[in-house]
Amino acid sequence: MKAKSNPEENAAPAADSRLSSTPAMTDEQDNLGEIRILTPVVENMVKTIVLDLPGVIDVVTPGANSISGFFGKTETRSAVRVVEDEAKAYAIEIRVALEFGVNLAQIAHNIQTTVLSEIVRMTSHPVSKVDVYIERVEKASPRKVEDKKEPAPSTITDESKDASETPNSQPSES
């Protein structure tokens, strides 16, 4: 007859193996408990990812610029919608305003591939689809273009120029 093993002896190696690997985001997480990423968190992640992409002006609520939106009748759908489908994978909808003059299909495809790869990378959760709806096309305002670029060297020069002018503005002792 085989002796029963001590449960504490079996628990130690399992705990060590869990620490050495990244857990998958599943409904059951062994004995440690459940890990769930709420859909509003994923929606915010998607919005942040999309707004950093070139050619994207904004993530927009559908109908915000329509006649019905003008009179206060706006749809209840949000700019980014994430739901779990039957296979427990994220199905993502994104509504965007893109920059006038860009290749719309190319930008939309870039949104799809980037969102899919980044959400899978950050959540370890499968993504079944990423639907992109282009709600508007508009010219980028200079401010929106500047927001997507790194600070220009001229900004640093202007600040250092102001600092160097301050000592010179004091009256000289003659």
C-alpha atoms as a PDB file:
ATOM      1  CA  MET A   1       0.000   0.000   0.000  1.00  0.00           C
ATOM      2  CA  LYS A   2       1.341   3.375  -0.991  1.00  0.00           C
ATOM      3  CA  ALA A   3       1.642   6.024   1.738  1.00  0.00           C
ATOM      4  CA  LYS A   4      -0.171   9.308   1.200  1.00  0.00           C
ATOM      5  CA  SER A   5       2.153  12.150   0.400  1.00  0.00           C
ATOM      6  CA  ASN A   6       2.297  15.252   2.530  1.00  0.00           C
ATOM      7  CA  PRO A   7       0.216  18.012   0.812  1.00  0.00           C
ATOM      8  CA  GLU A   8       2.666  20.690   1.973  1.00  0.00           C
ATOM      9  CA  GLU A   9       5.515  18.943   0.156  1.00  0.00           C
ATOM     10  CA  ASN A  10       3.493  18.961  -3.073  1.00  0.00           C
ATOM     11  CA  ALA A  11       2.457  22.599  -2.705  1.00  0.00           C
ATOM     12  CA  ALA A  12       5.976  24.046  -2.593  1.00  0.00           C
ATOM     13  CA  PRO A  13       7.122  22.970  -6.087  1.00  0.00           C
ATOM     14  CA  ALA A  14       3.795  24.053  -7.594  1.00  0.00           C
ATOM     15  CA  ALA A  15       4.144  27.524  -6.072  1.00  0.00           C
ATOM     16  CA  ASP A  16       7.708  27.829  -7.415  1.00  0.00           C
ATOM     17  CA  SER A  17       6.603  26.816 -10.922  1.00  0.00           C
ATOM     18  CA  ARG A  18       3.814  29.408 -10.867  1.00  0.00           C
ATOM     19  CA  LEU A  19       6.255  32.167 -10.011  1.00  0.00           C
ATOM     20  CA  SER A  20       8.555  31.309 -12.887  1.00  0.00           C
ATOM     21  CA  SER A  21       5.936  31.496 -15.628  1.00  0.00           C
ATOM     22  CA  THR A  22       3.422  34.090 -16.738  1.00  0.00           C
ATOM     23  CA  PRO A  23      -0.118  32.930 -16.003  1.00  0.00           C
ATOM     24  CA  ALA A  24      -2.663  32.831 -18.779  1.00  0.00           C
ATOM     25  CA  MET A  25      -5.780  34.896 -18.195  1.00  0.00           C
ATOM     26  CA  THR A  26      -8.294  32.121 -17.664  1.00  0.00           C
ATOM     27  CA  ASP A  27     -11.467  31.747 -15.673  1.00  0.00           C
ATOM     28  CA  GLU A  28      -9.724  29.429 -13.219  1.00  0.00           C
ATOM     29  CA  GLN A  29      -6.341  30.366 -11.764  1.00  0.00           C
ATOM     30  CA  ASP A  30      -5.352  27.288  -9.759  1.00  0.00           C
ATOM     31  CA  ASN A  31      -5.453  27.887  -6.015  1.00  0.00           C
ATOM     32  CA  LEU A  32      -4.353  31.501  -6.144  1.00  0.00           C
ATOM     33  CA  GLY A  33      -7.715  32.898  -7.194  1.00  0.00           C
ATOM     34  CA  GLU A  34      -9.242  34.478 -10.249  1.00  0.00           C
ATOM     35  CA  ILE A  35      -7.688  37.095 -12.510  1.00  0.00           C
ATOM     36  CA  ARG A  36     -10.162  39.107 -14.581  1.00  0.00           C
ATOM     37  CA  ILE A  37      -9.558  42.199 -16.650  1.00  0.00           C
ATOM     38  CA  LEU A  38     -12.801  44.130 -16.839  1.00  0.00           C
ATOM     39  CA  THR A  39     -13.955  45.222 -20.270  1.00  0.00           C
ATOM     40  CA  PRO A  40     -13.826  48.973 -19.451  1.00  0.00           C
ATOM     41  CA  VAL A  41     -10.109  48.503 -18.731  1.00  0.00           C
ATOM     42  CA  VAL A  42      -9.583  46.790 -22.097  1.00  0.00           C
ATOM     43  CA  GLU A  43     -11.640  49.517 -23.811  1.00  0.00           C
ATOM     44  CA  ASN A  44      -9.383  52.176 -22.286  1.00  0.00           C
ATOM     45  CA  MET A  45      -6.295  50.235 -23.393  1.00  0.00           C
ATOM     46  CA  VAL A  46      -7.651  50.046 -26.963  1.00  0.00           C
ATOM     47  CA  LYS A  47      -8.378  53.780 -27.010  1.00  0.00           C
ATOM     48  CA  THR A  48      -4.851  54.577 -25.796  1.00  0.00           C
ATOM     49  CA  ILE A  49      -3.287  52.273 -28.407  1.00  0.00           C
ATOM     50  CA  VAL A  50      -5.344  53.740 -31.263  1.00  0.00           C
ATOM     51  CA  LEU A  51      -4.732  57.387 -30.347  1.00  0.00           C
ATOM     52  CA  ASP A  52      -0.971  56.812 -30.540  1.00  0.00           C
ATOM     53  CA  LEU A  53      -1.148  55.569 -34.141  1.00  0.00           C
ATOM     54  CA  PRO A  54      -0.259  57.831 -37.088  1.00  0.00           C
ATOM     55  CA  GLY A  55      -3.209  59.028 -39.158  1.00  0.00           C
ATOM     56  CA  VAL A  56      -5.701  58.770 -36.275  1.00  0.00           C
ATOM     57  CA  ILE A  57      -7.263  62.081 -35.241  1.00  0.00           C
ATOM     58  CA  ASP A  58      -9.607  60.783 -32.533  1.00  0.00           C
ATOM     59  CA  VAL A  59     -11.657  57.888 -31.224  1.00  0.00           C
ATOM     60  CA  VAL A  60     -15.253  59.073 -31.575  1.00  0.00           C
ATOM     61  CA  THR A  61     -18.697  58.293 -30.255  1.00  0.00           C
ATOM     62  CA  PRO A  62     -21.023  57.316 -33.112  1.00  0.00           C
ATOM     63  CA  GLY A  63     -23.487  59.960 -34.172  1.00  0.00           C
ATOM     64  CA  ALA A  64     -21.814  62.775 -32.209  1.00  0.00           C
ATOM     65  CA  ASN A  65     -21.656  64.994 -35.306  1.00  0.00           C
ATOM     66  CA  SER A  66     -24.950  63.949 -36.858  1.00  0.00           C
ATOM     67  CA  ILE A  67     -28.199  65.950 -36.947  1.00  0.00           C
ATOM     68  CA  SER A  68     -29.686  63.721 -34.240  1.00  0.00           C
ATOM     69  CA  GLY A  69     -26.560  64.311 -32.129  1.00  0.00           C
ATOM     70  CA  PHE A  70     -27.096  68.039 -32.524  1.00  0.00           C
ATOM     71  CA  PHE A  71     -30.575  67.734 -31.021  1.00  0.00           C
ATOM     72  CA  GLY A  72     -29.381  65.572 -28.135  1.00  0.00           C
ATOM     73  CA  LYS A  73     -30.334  62.181 -29.574  1.00  0.00           C
ATOM     74  CA  THR A  74     -27.074  60.295 -29.586  1.00  0.00           C
ATOM     75  CA  GLU A  75     -26.576  56.573 -29.729  1.00  0.00           C
ATOM     76  CA  THR A  76     -25.648  54.804 -26.524  1.00  0.00           C
ATOM     77  CA  ARG A  77     -22.756  52.967 -28.200  1.00  0.00           C
ATOM     78  CA  SER A  78     -19.313  54.114 -27.172  1.00  0.00           C
ATOM     79  CA  ALA A  79     -16.276  54.877 -29.293  1.00  0.00           C
ATOM     80  CA  VAL A  80     -14.650  51.590 -28.251  1.00  0.00           C
ATOM     81  CA  ARG A  81     -16.645  48.492 -27.419  1.00  0.00           C
ATOM     82  CA  VAL A  82     -15.195  45.212 -26.160  1.00  0.00           C
ATOM     83  CA  VAL A  83     -17.278  42.080 -25.619  1.00  0.00           C
ATOM     84  CA  GLU A  84     -16.370  38.464 -25.025  1.00  0.00           C
ATOM     85  CA  ASP A  85     -17.735  36.221 -27.761  1.00  0.00           C
ATOM     86  CA  GLU A  86     -18.884  32.588 -27.483  1.00  0.00           C
ATOM     87  CA  ALA A  87     -15.276  31.365 -27.633  1.00  0.00           C
ATOM     88  CA  LYS A  88     -14.299  33.644 -24.698  1.00  0.00           C
ATOM     89  CA  ALA A  89     -12.237  35.880 -27.001  1.00  0.00           C
ATOM     90  CA  TYR A  90     -12.479  39.657 -27.177  1.00  0.00           C
ATOM     91  CA  ALA A  91     -14.486  41.077 -30.073  1.00  0.00           C
ATOM     92  CA  ILE A  92     -13.482  44.739 -30.418  1.00  0.00           C
ATOM     93  CA  GLU A  93     -15.267  47.614 -32.199  1.00  0.00           C
ATOM     94  CA  ILE A  94     -13.480  50.929 -32.695  1.00  0.00           C
ATOM     95  CA  ARG A  95     -14.946  54.124 -34.159  1.00  0.00           C
ATOM     96  CA  VAL A  96     -12.368  56.610 -35.374  1.00  0.00           C
ATOM     97  CA  ALA A  97     -11.792  59.939 -37.069  1.00  0.00           C
ATOM     98  CA  LEU A  98      -8.872  59.712 -39.478  1.00  0.00           C
ATOM     99  CA  GLU A  99      -6.667  62.354 -41.002  1.00  0.00           C
ATOM    100  CA  PHE A 100      -7.693  63.689 -44.413  1.00  0.00           C
ATOM    101  CA  GLY A 101      -5.351  62.614 -47.203  1.00  0.00           C
ATOM    102  CA  VAL A 102      -4.081  59.364 -45.686  1.00  0.00           C
ATOM    103  CA  ASN A 103      -4.735  55.906 -47.121  1.00  0.00           C
ATOM    104  CA  LEU A 104      -7.848  55.070 -45.077  1.00  0.00           C
ATOM    105  CA  ALA A 105      -7.692  51.319 -45.732  1.00  0.00           C
ATOM    106  CA  GLN A 106      -4.032  51.169 -44.732  1.00  0.00           C
ATOM    107  CA  ILE A 107      -4.611  53.137 -41.509  1.00  0.00           C
ATOM    108  CA  ALA A 108      -7.647  50.987 -40.609  1.00  0.00           C
ATOM    109  CA  HIS A 109      -5.626  47.812 -41.233  1.00  0.00           C
ATOM    110  CA  ASN A 110      -2.799  49.186 -39.068  1.00  0.00           C
ATOM    111  CA  ILE A 111      -5.346  49.859 -36.292  1.00  0.00           C
ATOM    112  CA  GLN A 112      -6.623  46.268 -36.548  1.00  0.00           C
ATOM    113  CA  THR A 113      -3.225  44.581 -36.469  1.00  0.00           C
ATOM    114  CA  THR A 114      -1.763  46.832 -33.770  1.00  0.00           C
ATOM    115  CA  VAL A 115      -4.772  46.560 -31.449  1.00  0.00           C
ATOM    116  CA  LEU A 116      -4.935  42.789 -31.896  1.00  0.00           C
ATOM    117  CA  SER A 117      -1.250  42.211 -31.151  1.00  0.00           C
ATOM    118  CA  GLU A 118      -1.012  44.706 -28.280  1.00  0.00           C
ATOM    119  CA  ILE A 119      -4.165  43.528 -26.480  1.00  0.00           C
ATOM    120  CA  VAL A 120      -3.068  39.890 -26.750  1.00  0.00           C
ATOM    121  CA  ARG A 121       0.422  40.854 -25.548  1.00  0.00           C
ATOM    122  CA  MET A 122      -0.812  42.865 -22.573  1.00  0.00           C
ATOM    123  CA  THR A 123      -3.721  40.669 -21.448  1.00  0.00           C
ATOM    124  CA  SER A 124      -2.768  37.141 -22.619  1.00  0.00           C
ATOM    125  CA  HIS A 125      -6.408  36.960 -23.758  1.00  0.00           C
ATOM    126  CA  PRO A 126      -7.373  35.957 -27.314  1.00  0.00           C
ATOM    127  CA  VAL A 127      -8.934  38.488 -29.692  1.00  0.00           C
ATOM    128  CA  SER A 128     -11.363  37.107 -32.274  1.00  0.00           C
ATOM    129  CA  LYS A 129     -11.800  40.282 -34.327  1.00  0.00           C
ATOM    130  CA  VAL A 130     -11.146  44.009 -34.459  1.00  0.00           C
ATOM    131  CA  ASP A 131     -13.765  45.983 -36.396  1.00  0.00           C
ATOM    132  CA  VAL A 132     -12.812  49.538 -37.374  1.00  0.00           C
ATOM    133  CA  TYR A 133     -15.520  52.014 -38.342  1.00  0.00           C
ATOM    134  CA  ILE A 134     -14.356  55.271 -39.906  1.00  0.00           C
ATOM    135  CA  GLU A 135     -16.847  57.847 -38.627  1.00  0.00           C
ATOM    136  CA  ARG A 136     -15.107  60.977 -39.912  1.00  0.00           C
ATOM    137  CA  VAL A 137     -12.225  62.227 -42.002  1.00  0.00           C
ATOM    138  CA  GLU A 138     -10.825  65.647 -41.155  1.00  0.00           C
ATOM    139  CA  LYS A 139      -7.741  67.751 -41.560  1.00  0.00           C
ATOM    140  CA  ALA A 140      -5.426  67.440 -38.621  1.00  0.00           C
ATOM    141  CA  SER A 141      -5.204  70.608 -36.575  1.00  0.00           C
ATOM    142  CA  PRO A 142      -1.648  71.763 -35.868  1.00  0.00           C
ATOM    143  CA  ARG A 143      -2.157  71.008 -32.158  1.00  0.00           C
ATOM    144  CA  LYS A 144      -3.188  67.388 -32.814  1.00  0.00           C
ATOM    145  CA  VAL A 145      -0.223  66.874 -35.121  1.00  0.00           C
ATOM    146  CA  GLU A 146       2.154  68.327 -32.506  1.00  0.00           C
ATOM    147  CA  ASP A 147       0.682  66.090 -29.786  1.00  0.00           C
ATOM    148  CA  LYS A 148       1.756  63.006 -31.753  1.00  0.00           C
ATOM    149  CA  LYS A 149       5.316  64.264 -32.297  1.00  0.00           C
ATOM    150  CA  GLU A 150       8.210  64.481 -29.868  1.00  0.00           C
ATOM    151  CA  PRO A 151       9.012  67.945 -28.487  1.00  0.00           C
ATOM    152  CA  ALA A 152      10.883  69.918 -31.103  1.00  0.00           C
ATOM    153  CA  PRO A 153      14.477  70.976 -30.420  1.00  0.00           C
ATOM    154  CA  SER A 154      13.405  74.586 -31.018  1.00  0.00           C
ATOM    155  CA  THR A 155      11.302  74.402 -27.848  1.00  0.00           C
ATOM    156  CA  ILE A 156      14.383  73.600 -25.816  1.00  0.00           C
ATOM    157  CA  THR A 157      16.303  76.368 -27.590  1.00  0.00           C
ATOM    158  CA  ASP A 158      13.531  78.872 -26.833  1.00  0.00           C
ATOM    159  CA  GLU A 159      13.583  77.970 -23.134  1.00  0.00           C
ATOM    160  CA  SER A 160      17.365  78.209 -22.911  1.00  0.00           C
ATOM    161  CA  LYS A 161      17.233  81.473 -24.857  1.00  0.00           C
ATOM    162  CA  ASP A 162      14.763  82.898 -22.320  1.00  0.00           C
ATOM    163  CA  ALA A 163      17.012  81.793 -19.460  1.00  0.00           C
ATOM    164  CA  SER A 164      20.068  83.396 -21.063  1.00  0.00           C
ATOM    165  CA  GLU A 165      18.198  86.661 -21.655  1.00  0.00           C
ATOM    166  CA  THR A 166      17.263  87.048 -17.988  1.00  0.00           C
ATOM    167  CA  PRO A 167      20.790  87.861 -16.720  1.00  0.00           C
ATOM    168  CA  ASN A 168      21.351  90.281 -19.626  1.00  0.00           C
ATOM    169  CA  SER A 169      18.183  92.187 -18.841  1.00  0.00           C
ATOM    170  CA  GLN A 170      19.567  93.367 -15.500  1.00  0.00           C
ATOM    171  CA  PRO A 171      21.051  96.890 -15.553  1.00  0.00           C
ATOM    172  CA  SER A 172      24.804  96.912 -15.797  1.00  0.00           C
ATOM    173  CA  GLU A 173      26.907  98.698 -13.206  1.00  0.00           C
ATOM    174  CA  SER A 174      28.895 101.361 -15.051  1.00  0.00           C
END
